[in-house]
Amino acid sequence: MTKLRRESTDEPSSTPEGEALLELMWQLAQTFFKLRAAGKTVTARAAGGGSIGAVTPSGAGLYGLLRSLTENGPQTVPALARARPVARQQIQRMANEMAAQGLVEFTANPAHKRSRLLTITPDGSRLYAALSARMSELAERLAADMDIDDLRITVETLRTFARKLATNA
């Protein structure tokens, strides 16, 4: 683990746990950018004949949105934005682009007249399945020399960290 350097002696003292979590936060941020770049190279054939990446050229998480709709069913744009958390407008732009591509559609929401539900279409489901297969191939290549127990501990640590951020941020 890299020892964190302090620029000033005015900083509060920290615990080994706090320093380790700070290092995890830094590594997680760096890994996210690399994962996003890799996601731009993971593509699948779209219904219209072109290819679509798991991450759009602008960095939007198309695959993540398709996954949310696949795993959790139809949702409103505000609910999708809160779950990430990002601006509602960002999800709205992505949803509009995906609707224009035929990957999702806006459907009536029985619980709210104005906030329609975003629903994955059959073309969106096919694209999600194809992208999932490509993401699995990437994961298999990357996991080849990694320890399964380390991976499971990392997943559990990140889940705990996410819960704490959701309740204490």
N, C-alpha and C. Protein backbone atom coordinates (compact mmCIF):
# COMPACT_ATOMS: atom_id res chain seq x y z
N MET A 1 0.84 -1.17 0.00
CA MET A 1 0.00 0.00 0.00
C MET A 1 0.88 1.23 0.00
N THR A 2 0.51 2.22 -0.75
CA THR A 2 1.25 3.46 -0.84
C THR A 2 1.02 4.29 0.42
N LYS A 3 2.07 4.78 1.00
CA LYS A 3 1.95 5.63 2.18
C LYS A 3 1.52 7.02 1.72
N LEU A 4 0.47 7.53 2.32
CA LEU A 4 -0.02 8.85 1.97
C LEU A 4 0.87 9.92 2.57
N ARG A 5 1.22 10.91 1.76
CA ARG A 5 2.06 12.01 2.24
C ARG A 5 1.18 13.14 2.73
N ARG A 6 1.58 13.75 3.81
CA ARG A 6 0.86 14.90 4.33
C ARG A 6 1.59 16.16 3.89
N GLU A 7 0.83 17.10 3.34
CA GLU A 7 1.41 18.35 2.87
C GLU A 7 1.56 19.36 4.01
N SER A 8 0.78 19.21 5.06
CA SER A 8 0.80 20.19 6.13
C SER A 8 0.71 19.48 7.47
N THR A 9 1.32 20.05 8.49
CA THR A 9 1.22 19.47 9.83
C THR A 9 -0.07 19.91 10.51
N ASP A 10 -0.85 20.78 9.86
CA ASP A 10 -2.11 21.25 10.43
C ASP A 10 -3.25 20.26 10.24
N GLU A 11 -3.03 19.20 9.47
CA GLU A 11 -4.08 18.22 9.23
C GLU A 11 -4.33 17.42 10.50
N PRO A 12 -5.59 17.04 10.71
CA PRO A 12 -5.89 16.22 11.89
C PRO A 12 -5.21 14.86 11.78
N SER A 13 -4.89 14.29 12.93
CA SER A 13 -4.29 12.95 12.90
C SER A 13 -5.35 11.97 12.43
N SER A 14 -4.89 10.87 11.84
CA SER A 14 -5.84 9.90 11.33
C SER A 14 -5.48 8.52 11.83
N THR A 15 -6.46 7.66 11.77
CA THR A 15 -6.27 6.28 12.18
C THR A 15 -5.76 5.47 11.00
N PRO A 16 -5.19 4.31 11.26
CA PRO A 16 -4.80 3.43 10.14
C PRO A 16 -6.00 3.06 9.27
N GLU A 17 -7.17 2.89 9.90
CA GLU A 17 -8.38 2.55 9.15
C GLU A 17 -8.77 3.71 8.22
N GLY A 18 -8.70 4.94 8.76
CA GLY A 18 -9.04 6.10 7.94
C GLY A 18 -8.08 6.26 6.78
N GLU A 19 -6.79 6.07 7.04
CA GLU A 19 -5.81 6.18 5.95
C GLU A 19 -6.01 5.07 4.92
N ALA A 20 -6.33 3.87 5.37
CA ALA A 20 -6.57 2.76 4.44
C ALA A 20 -7.80 3.04 3.58
N LEU A 21 -8.85 3.59 4.20
CA LEU A 21 -10.05 3.90 3.44
C LEU A 21 -9.78 5.03 2.45
N LEU A 22 -9.01 6.00 2.85
CA LEU A 22 -8.64 7.08 1.94
C LEU A 22 -7.88 6.52 0.73
N GLU A 23 -6.97 5.59 0.96
CA GLU A 23 -6.24 4.95 -0.13
C GLU A 23 -7.20 4.16 -1.02
N LEU A 24 -8.17 3.46 -0.41
CA LEU A 24 -9.18 2.73 -1.18
C LEU A 24 -9.98 3.70 -2.05
N MET A 25 -10.36 4.85 -1.48
CA MET A 25 -11.12 5.84 -2.24
C MET A 25 -10.32 6.31 -3.45
N TRP A 26 -9.05 6.57 -3.27
CA TRP A 26 -8.19 7.01 -4.36
C TRP A 26 -8.08 5.92 -5.42
N GLN A 27 -7.82 4.69 -5.00
CA GLN A 27 -7.70 3.58 -5.94
C GLN A 27 -9.01 3.33 -6.68
N LEU A 28 -10.11 3.47 -5.97
CA LEU A 28 -11.43 3.26 -6.58
C LEU A 28 -11.69 4.31 -7.66
N ALA A 29 -11.35 5.56 -7.38
CA ALA A 29 -11.53 6.62 -8.37
C ALA A 29 -10.67 6.35 -9.61
N GLN A 30 -9.42 6.00 -9.39
CA GLN A 30 -8.52 5.71 -10.51
C GLN A 30 -9.01 4.51 -11.32
N THR A 31 -9.50 3.50 -10.62
CA THR A 31 -10.00 2.30 -11.29
C THR A 31 -11.27 2.61 -12.07
N PHE A 32 -12.12 3.46 -11.52
CA PHE A 32 -13.35 3.85 -12.22
C PHE A 32 -13.04 4.45 -13.58
N PHE A 33 -12.07 5.35 -13.64
CA PHE A 33 -11.73 5.98 -14.92
C PHE A 33 -11.21 4.95 -15.91
N LYS A 34 -10.41 4.01 -15.43
CA LYS A 34 -9.90 2.96 -16.31
C LYS A 34 -11.02 2.03 -16.76
N LEU A 35 -11.96 1.74 -15.86
CA LEU A 35 -13.10 0.89 -16.20
C LEU A 35 -13.99 1.58 -17.22
N ARG A 36 -14.21 2.87 -17.03
CA ARG A 36 -15.02 3.63 -17.99
C ARG A 36 -14.37 3.62 -19.37
N ALA A 37 -13.05 3.78 -19.42
CA ALA A 37 -12.34 3.73 -20.70
C ALA A 37 -12.47 2.34 -21.33
N ALA A 38 -12.35 1.29 -20.51
CA ALA A 38 -12.51 -0.08 -21.03
C ALA A 38 -13.93 -0.29 -21.53
N GLY A 39 -14.91 0.29 -20.85
CA GLY A 39 -16.30 0.15 -21.25
C GLY A 39 -16.59 0.72 -22.62
N LYS A 40 -15.79 1.72 -23.02
CA LYS A 40 -15.97 2.30 -24.36
C LYS A 40 -15.53 1.32 -25.45
N THR A 41 -14.69 0.35 -25.09
CA THR A 41 -14.22 -0.62 -26.07
C THR A 41 -15.08 -1.88 -26.10
N VAL A 42 -15.95 -2.05 -25.11
CA VAL A 42 -16.85 -3.20 -25.06
C VAL A 42 -18.10 -2.83 -25.86
N THR A 43 -18.24 -3.42 -27.04
CA THR A 43 -19.35 -3.06 -27.91
C THR A 43 -20.13 -4.28 -28.34
N ALA A 44 -21.34 -4.03 -28.81
CA ALA A 44 -22.19 -5.08 -29.36
C ALA A 44 -22.97 -4.50 -30.52
N ARG A 45 -23.42 -5.36 -31.41
CA ARG A 45 -24.17 -4.93 -32.58
C ARG A 45 -25.56 -4.46 -32.16
N ALA A 46 -25.94 -3.29 -32.64
CA ALA A 46 -27.26 -2.74 -32.35
C ALA A 46 -28.26 -3.20 -33.40
N ALA A 47 -29.54 -3.06 -33.11
CA ALA A 47 -30.59 -3.50 -34.02
C ALA A 47 -30.48 -2.78 -35.36
N GLY A 48 -30.04 -1.54 -35.36
CA GLY A 48 -29.93 -0.77 -36.60
C GLY A 48 -28.71 -1.13 -37.43
N GLY A 49 -27.86 -2.00 -36.94
CA GLY A 49 -26.70 -2.43 -37.71
C GLY A 49 -25.38 -1.91 -37.20
N GLY A 50 -25.37 -0.76 -36.52
CA GLY A 50 -24.13 -0.22 -35.98
C GLY A 50 -23.77 -0.92 -34.69
N SER A 51 -22.68 -0.48 -34.08
CA SER A 51 -22.32 -1.06 -32.78
C SER A 51 -22.48 0.00 -31.71
N ILE A 52 -22.81 -0.46 -30.51
CA ILE A 52 -23.03 0.41 -29.36
C ILE A 52 -22.14 -0.07 -28.24
N GLY A 53 -21.50 0.87 -27.55
CA GLY A 53 -20.61 0.52 -26.45
C GLY A 53 -21.32 0.51 -25.11
N ALA A 54 -20.73 -0.22 -24.16
CA ALA A 54 -21.27 -0.26 -22.80
C ALA A 54 -21.23 1.13 -22.18
N VAL A 55 -20.23 1.92 -22.59
CA VAL A 55 -20.12 3.32 -22.19
C VAL A 55 -20.12 4.13 -23.47
N THR A 56 -20.93 5.17 -23.53
CA THR A 56 -21.01 5.99 -24.73
C THR A 56 -19.74 6.82 -24.88
N PRO A 57 -19.49 7.35 -26.06
CA PRO A 57 -18.30 8.19 -26.25
C PRO A 57 -18.24 9.37 -25.27
N SER A 58 -19.40 9.86 -24.82
CA SER A 58 -19.41 10.96 -23.87
C SER A 58 -19.19 10.50 -22.43
N GLY A 59 -19.10 9.18 -22.22
CA GLY A 59 -18.84 8.65 -20.88
C GLY A 59 -20.09 8.21 -20.14
N ALA A 60 -21.25 8.32 -20.77
CA ALA A 60 -22.50 7.92 -20.12
C ALA A 60 -22.57 6.40 -20.02
N GLY A 61 -23.13 5.91 -18.93
CA GLY A 61 -23.18 4.49 -18.66
C GLY A 61 -24.41 3.81 -19.23
N LEU A 62 -24.45 3.61 -20.52
CA LEU A 62 -25.57 2.95 -21.18
C LEU A 62 -25.80 1.57 -20.59
N TYR A 63 -24.74 0.80 -20.42
CA TYR A 63 -24.87 -0.55 -19.88
C TYR A 63 -25.47 -0.53 -18.47
N GLY A 64 -25.02 0.40 -17.65
CA GLY A 64 -25.54 0.50 -16.29
C GLY A 64 -27.02 0.80 -16.25
N LEU A 65 -27.47 1.68 -17.16
CA LEU A 65 -28.89 2.01 -17.21
C LEU A 65 -29.70 0.81 -17.68
N LEU A 66 -29.20 0.11 -18.70
CA LEU A 66 -29.90 -1.10 -19.16
C LEU A 66 -29.94 -2.15 -18.05
N ARG A 67 -28.85 -2.27 -17.31
CA ARG A 67 -28.80 -3.23 -16.21
C ARG A 67 -29.83 -2.89 -15.13
N SER A 68 -29.91 -1.60 -14.77
CA SER A 68 -30.89 -1.17 -13.76
C SER A 68 -32.30 -1.52 -14.19
N LEU A 69 -32.62 -1.28 -15.46
CA LEU A 69 -33.97 -1.58 -15.94
C LEU A 69 -34.22 -3.08 -16.03
N THR A 70 -33.19 -3.84 -16.39
CA THR A 70 -33.33 -5.30 -16.47
C THR A 70 -33.53 -5.91 -15.09
N GLU A 71 -32.72 -5.47 -14.14
CA GLU A 71 -32.76 -6.07 -12.80
C GLU A 71 -33.90 -5.55 -11.94
N ASN A 72 -34.27 -4.28 -12.12
CA ASN A 72 -35.26 -3.67 -11.22
C ASN A 72 -36.57 -3.32 -11.90
N GLY A 73 -36.68 -3.56 -13.19
CA GLY A 73 -37.91 -3.26 -13.91
C GLY A 73 -38.03 -1.78 -14.24
N PRO A 74 -39.18 -1.41 -14.81
CA PRO A 74 -39.40 -0.02 -15.21
C PRO A 74 -39.25 0.93 -14.02
N GLN A 75 -38.63 2.09 -14.30
CA GLN A 75 -38.40 3.10 -13.26
C GLN A 75 -38.55 4.49 -13.87
N THR A 76 -38.80 5.45 -13.02
CA THR A 76 -38.84 6.83 -13.49
C THR A 76 -37.41 7.37 -13.62
N VAL A 77 -37.27 8.40 -14.43
CA VAL A 77 -35.96 9.04 -14.57
C VAL A 77 -35.47 9.57 -13.23
N PRO A 78 -36.31 10.26 -12.44
CA PRO A 78 -35.83 10.73 -11.14
C PRO A 78 -35.35 9.59 -10.22
N ALA A 79 -36.03 8.45 -10.24
CA ALA A 79 -35.61 7.31 -9.40
C ALA A 79 -34.26 6.77 -9.87
N LEU A 80 -34.07 6.69 -11.17
CA LEU A 80 -32.78 6.24 -11.70
C LEU A 80 -31.66 7.21 -11.32
N ALA A 81 -31.95 8.49 -11.38
CA ALA A 81 -30.95 9.51 -11.03
C ALA A 81 -30.60 9.45 -9.54
N ARG A 82 -31.60 9.27 -8.69
CA ARG A 82 -31.34 9.18 -7.25
C ARG A 82 -30.49 7.96 -6.91
N ALA A 83 -30.68 6.87 -7.61
CA ALA A 83 -29.95 5.63 -7.32
C ALA A 83 -28.47 5.75 -7.67
N ARG A 84 -28.07 6.70 -8.52
CA ARG A 84 -26.69 6.75 -8.99
C ARG A 84 -25.76 7.54 -8.07
N PRO A 85 -25.85 8.57 -7.49
CA PRO A 85 -26.73 9.71 -7.69
C PRO A 85 -26.11 10.69 -8.69
N VAL A 86 -26.90 11.06 -9.66
CA VAL A 86 -26.49 12.06 -10.65
C VAL A 86 -27.69 12.98 -10.90
N ALA A 87 -27.46 14.04 -11.64
CA ALA A 87 -28.54 14.96 -11.96
C ALA A 87 -29.60 14.26 -12.80
N ARG A 88 -30.84 14.57 -12.52
CA ARG A 88 -31.96 14.00 -13.27
C ARG A 88 -31.80 14.32 -14.75
N GLN A 89 -31.32 15.51 -15.06
CA GLN A 89 -31.18 15.92 -16.46
C GLN A 89 -30.20 15.01 -17.21
N GLN A 90 -29.17 14.54 -16.53
CA GLN A 90 -28.19 13.64 -17.17
C GLN A 90 -28.87 12.33 -17.56
N ILE A 91 -29.66 11.78 -16.66
CA ILE A 91 -30.38 10.54 -16.97
C ILE A 91 -31.44 10.79 -18.03
N GLN A 92 -32.09 11.95 -17.98
CA GLN A 92 -33.11 12.27 -18.98
C GLN A 92 -32.51 12.32 -20.38
N ARG A 93 -31.33 12.97 -20.51
CA ARG A 93 -30.66 13.04 -21.81
C ARG A 93 -30.33 11.63 -22.32
N MET A 94 -29.76 10.82 -21.43
CA MET A 94 -29.39 9.47 -21.82
C MET A 94 -30.64 8.66 -22.18
N ALA A 95 -31.71 8.79 -21.41
CA ALA A 95 -32.95 8.07 -21.69
C ALA A 95 -33.53 8.49 -23.04
N ASN A 96 -33.49 9.79 -23.34
CA ASN A 96 -34.00 10.28 -24.62
C ASN A 96 -33.19 9.70 -25.78
N GLU A 97 -31.86 9.68 -25.64
CA GLU A 97 -30.99 9.12 -26.67
C GLU A 97 -31.27 7.63 -26.86
N MET A 98 -31.43 6.92 -25.74
CA MET A 98 -31.68 5.48 -25.82
C MET A 98 -33.06 5.19 -26.40
N ALA A 99 -34.03 6.06 -26.11
CA ALA A 99 -35.37 5.89 -26.68
C ALA A 99 -35.32 6.12 -28.19
N ALA A 100 -34.53 7.09 -28.64
CA ALA A 100 -34.39 7.35 -30.08
C ALA A 100 -33.74 6.16 -30.79
N GLN A 101 -32.93 5.40 -30.06
CA GLN A 101 -32.28 4.21 -30.63
C GLN A 101 -33.17 2.97 -30.51
N GLY A 102 -34.31 3.09 -29.84
CA GLY A 102 -35.22 1.96 -29.68
C GLY A 102 -34.83 1.00 -28.57
N LEU A 103 -33.93 1.43 -27.67
CA LEU A 103 -33.47 0.56 -26.58
C LEU A 103 -34.38 0.60 -25.36
N VAL A 104 -35.04 1.73 -25.17
CA VAL A 104 -35.98 1.92 -24.06
C VAL A 104 -37.18 2.68 -24.60
N GLU A 105 -38.25 2.67 -23.82
CA GLU A 105 -39.42 3.47 -24.18
C GLU A 105 -40.03 4.04 -22.92
N PHE A 106 -40.72 5.14 -23.08
CA PHE A 106 -41.43 5.76 -21.97
C PHE A 106 -42.85 5.21 -21.96
N THR A 107 -43.28 4.72 -20.79
CA THR A 107 -44.62 4.15 -20.67
C THR A 107 -45.37 4.87 -19.54
N ALA A 108 -46.67 4.70 -19.56
CA ALA A 108 -47.51 5.35 -18.54
C ALA A 108 -47.14 4.83 -17.16
N ASN A 109 -47.19 5.73 -16.21
CA ASN A 109 -46.90 5.40 -14.81
C ASN A 109 -48.20 5.50 -14.02
N PRO A 110 -48.75 4.38 -13.58
CA PRO A 110 -50.03 4.43 -12.85
C PRO A 110 -49.93 5.22 -11.54
N ALA A 111 -48.72 5.36 -11.01
CA ALA A 111 -48.55 6.06 -9.73
C ALA A 111 -48.36 7.57 -9.90
N HIS A 112 -48.11 8.03 -11.14
CA HIS A 112 -47.80 9.45 -11.33
C HIS A 112 -48.09 9.82 -12.78
N LYS A 113 -48.95 10.81 -12.98
CA LYS A 113 -49.35 11.17 -14.34
C LYS A 113 -48.20 11.75 -15.17
N ARG A 114 -47.36 12.58 -14.56
CA ARG A 114 -46.35 13.30 -15.34
C ARG A 114 -45.00 12.60 -15.40
N SER A 115 -44.69 11.75 -14.45
CA SER A 115 -43.39 11.09 -14.42
C SER A 115 -43.53 9.68 -15.01
N ARG A 116 -43.27 9.58 -16.30
CA ARG A 116 -43.45 8.31 -16.99
C ARG A 116 -42.36 7.31 -16.57
N LEU A 117 -42.65 6.05 -16.81
CA LEU A 117 -41.70 4.98 -16.51
C LEU A 117 -40.80 4.74 -17.72
N LEU A 118 -39.54 4.49 -17.45
CA LEU A 118 -38.61 4.10 -18.50
C LEU A 118 -38.57 2.57 -18.49
N THR A 119 -38.84 1.97 -19.64
CA THR A 119 -38.95 0.52 -19.77
C THR A 119 -38.00 0.04 -20.86
N ILE A 120 -37.30 -1.03 -20.62
CA ILE A 120 -36.40 -1.59 -21.64
C ILE A 120 -37.24 -2.28 -22.72
N THR A 121 -36.82 -2.12 -23.97
CA THR A 121 -37.52 -2.75 -25.10
C THR A 121 -36.85 -4.09 -25.42
N PRO A 122 -37.47 -4.88 -26.29
CA PRO A 122 -36.81 -6.13 -26.71
C PRO A 122 -35.43 -5.87 -27.33
N ASP A 123 -35.29 -4.81 -28.14
CA ASP A 123 -33.97 -4.48 -28.70
C ASP A 123 -32.99 -4.12 -27.59
N GLY A 124 -33.46 -3.40 -26.56
CA GLY A 124 -32.62 -3.05 -25.43
C GLY A 124 -32.20 -4.29 -24.65
N SER A 125 -33.12 -5.23 -24.51
CA SER A 125 -32.80 -6.48 -23.80
C SER A 125 -31.76 -7.30 -24.57
N ARG A 126 -31.90 -7.33 -25.90
CA ARG A 126 -30.91 -8.05 -26.71
C ARG A 126 -29.54 -7.39 -26.61
N LEU A 127 -29.51 -6.06 -26.67
CA LEU A 127 -28.25 -5.35 -26.55
C LEU A 127 -27.64 -5.58 -25.16
N TYR A 128 -28.48 -5.53 -24.13
CA TYR A 128 -27.98 -5.76 -22.76
C TYR A 128 -27.36 -7.16 -22.65
N ALA A 129 -28.01 -8.16 -23.22
CA ALA A 129 -27.48 -9.52 -23.16
C ALA A 129 -26.14 -9.61 -23.90
N ALA A 130 -26.05 -8.98 -25.06
CA ALA A 130 -24.80 -9.01 -25.83
C ALA A 130 -23.68 -8.27 -25.09
N LEU A 131 -24.00 -7.09 -24.53
CA LEU A 131 -22.99 -6.35 -23.77
C LEU A 131 -22.59 -7.11 -22.51
N SER A 132 -23.53 -7.78 -21.88
CA SER A 132 -23.22 -8.57 -20.69
C SER A 132 -22.23 -9.68 -21.03
N ALA A 133 -22.42 -10.31 -22.17
CA ALA A 133 -21.49 -11.36 -22.60
C ALA A 133 -20.10 -10.78 -22.81
N ARG A 134 -20.02 -9.59 -23.43
CA ARG A 134 -18.71 -8.96 -23.65
C ARG A 134 -18.07 -8.53 -22.33
N MET A 135 -18.89 -8.02 -21.42
CA MET A 135 -18.37 -7.61 -20.10
C MET A 135 -17.86 -8.84 -19.34
N SER A 136 -18.57 -9.96 -19.48
CA SER A 136 -18.12 -11.20 -18.83
C SER A 136 -16.79 -11.67 -19.39
N GLU A 137 -16.61 -11.54 -20.70
CA GLU A 137 -15.33 -11.91 -21.32
C GLU A 137 -14.20 -11.04 -20.76
N LEU A 138 -14.46 -9.75 -20.63
CA LEU A 138 -13.47 -8.83 -20.07
C LEU A 138 -13.15 -9.23 -18.63
N ALA A 139 -14.18 -9.51 -17.84
CA ALA A 139 -13.99 -9.90 -16.44
C ALA A 139 -13.18 -11.18 -16.34
N GLU A 140 -13.46 -12.15 -17.19
CA GLU A 140 -12.73 -13.42 -17.17
C GLU A 140 -11.24 -13.19 -17.47
N ARG A 141 -10.95 -12.35 -18.46
CA ARG A 141 -9.55 -12.07 -18.78
C ARG A 141 -8.85 -11.39 -17.61
N LEU A 142 -9.50 -10.42 -17.01
CA LEU A 142 -8.89 -9.67 -15.91
C LEU A 142 -8.75 -10.52 -14.64
N ALA A 143 -9.68 -11.44 -14.42
CA ALA A 143 -9.68 -12.24 -13.19
C ALA A 143 -8.75 -13.44 -13.25
N ALA A 144 -8.13 -13.68 -14.38
CA ALA A 144 -7.35 -14.90 -14.60
C ALA A 144 -6.33 -15.19 -13.50
N ASP A 145 -5.64 -14.20 -12.99
CA ASP A 145 -4.62 -14.47 -11.98
C ASP A 145 -4.96 -13.82 -10.63
N MET A 146 -6.24 -13.55 -10.41
CA MET A 146 -6.67 -12.94 -9.15
C MET A 146 -7.22 -14.00 -8.21
N ASP A 147 -7.08 -13.75 -6.92
CA ASP A 147 -7.55 -14.68 -5.89
C ASP A 147 -9.04 -14.48 -5.62
N ILE A 148 -9.81 -15.55 -5.67
CA ILE A 148 -11.27 -15.47 -5.48
C ILE A 148 -11.63 -14.91 -4.11
N ASP A 149 -10.90 -15.28 -3.07
CA ASP A 149 -11.22 -14.75 -1.74
C ASP A 149 -10.97 -13.25 -1.67
N ASP A 150 -9.89 -12.78 -2.29
CA ASP A 150 -9.63 -11.34 -2.34
C ASP A 150 -10.75 -10.61 -3.08
N LEU A 151 -11.21 -11.19 -4.17
CA LEU A 151 -12.29 -10.56 -4.94
C LEU A 151 -13.57 -10.49 -4.12
N ARG A 152 -13.90 -11.57 -3.42
CA ARG A 152 -15.13 -11.58 -2.61
C ARG A 152 -15.05 -10.57 -1.46
N ILE A 153 -13.89 -10.47 -0.83
CA ILE A 153 -13.70 -9.50 0.24
C ILE A 153 -13.83 -8.08 -0.30
N THR A 154 -13.26 -7.84 -1.47
CA THR A 154 -13.34 -6.52 -2.09
C THR A 154 -14.79 -6.15 -2.39
N VAL A 155 -15.55 -7.08 -2.94
CA VAL A 155 -16.96 -6.82 -3.23
C VAL A 155 -17.70 -6.47 -1.94
N GLU A 156 -17.48 -7.25 -0.90
CA GLU A 156 -18.17 -6.98 0.37
C GLU A 156 -17.75 -5.65 0.97
N THR A 157 -16.47 -5.33 0.88
CA THR A 157 -15.97 -4.05 1.38
C THR A 157 -16.62 -2.89 0.63
N LEU A 158 -16.72 -3.01 -0.69
CA LEU A 158 -17.34 -1.94 -1.48
C LEU A 158 -18.83 -1.81 -1.17
N ARG A 159 -19.51 -2.92 -0.92
CA ARG A 159 -20.93 -2.84 -0.54
C ARG A 159 -21.09 -2.10 0.79
N THR A 160 -20.23 -2.43 1.75
CA THR A 160 -20.29 -1.74 3.05
C THR A 160 -19.99 -0.26 2.88
N PHE A 161 -18.98 0.06 2.10
CA PHE A 161 -18.61 1.44 1.85
C PHE A 161 -19.77 2.20 1.19
N ALA A 162 -20.42 1.58 0.21
CA ALA A 162 -21.56 2.22 -0.47
C ALA A 162 -22.71 2.47 0.51
N ARG A 163 -23.00 1.51 1.38
CA ARG A 163 -24.06 1.69 2.39
C ARG A 163 -23.73 2.86 3.31
N LYS A 164 -22.48 2.93 3.75
CA LYS A 164 -22.08 4.01 4.64
C LYS A 164 -22.18 5.37 3.93
N LEU A 165 -21.78 5.42 2.68
CA LEU A 165 -21.89 6.67 1.93
C LEU A 165 -23.35 7.08 1.78
N ALA A 166 -24.22 6.11 1.55
CA ALA A 166 -25.64 6.41 1.36
C ALA A 166 -26.29 6.95 2.64
N THR A 167 -25.80 6.53 3.78
CA THR A 167 -26.43 6.94 5.04
C THR A 167 -25.69 8.04 5.78
N ASN A 168 -24.39 8.23 5.48
CA ASN A 168 -23.59 9.19 6.24
C ASN A 168 -23.02 10.33 5.42
N ALA A 169 -23.29 10.37 4.13
CA ALA A 169 -22.63 11.39 3.29
C ALA A 169 -23.23 12.75 3.42
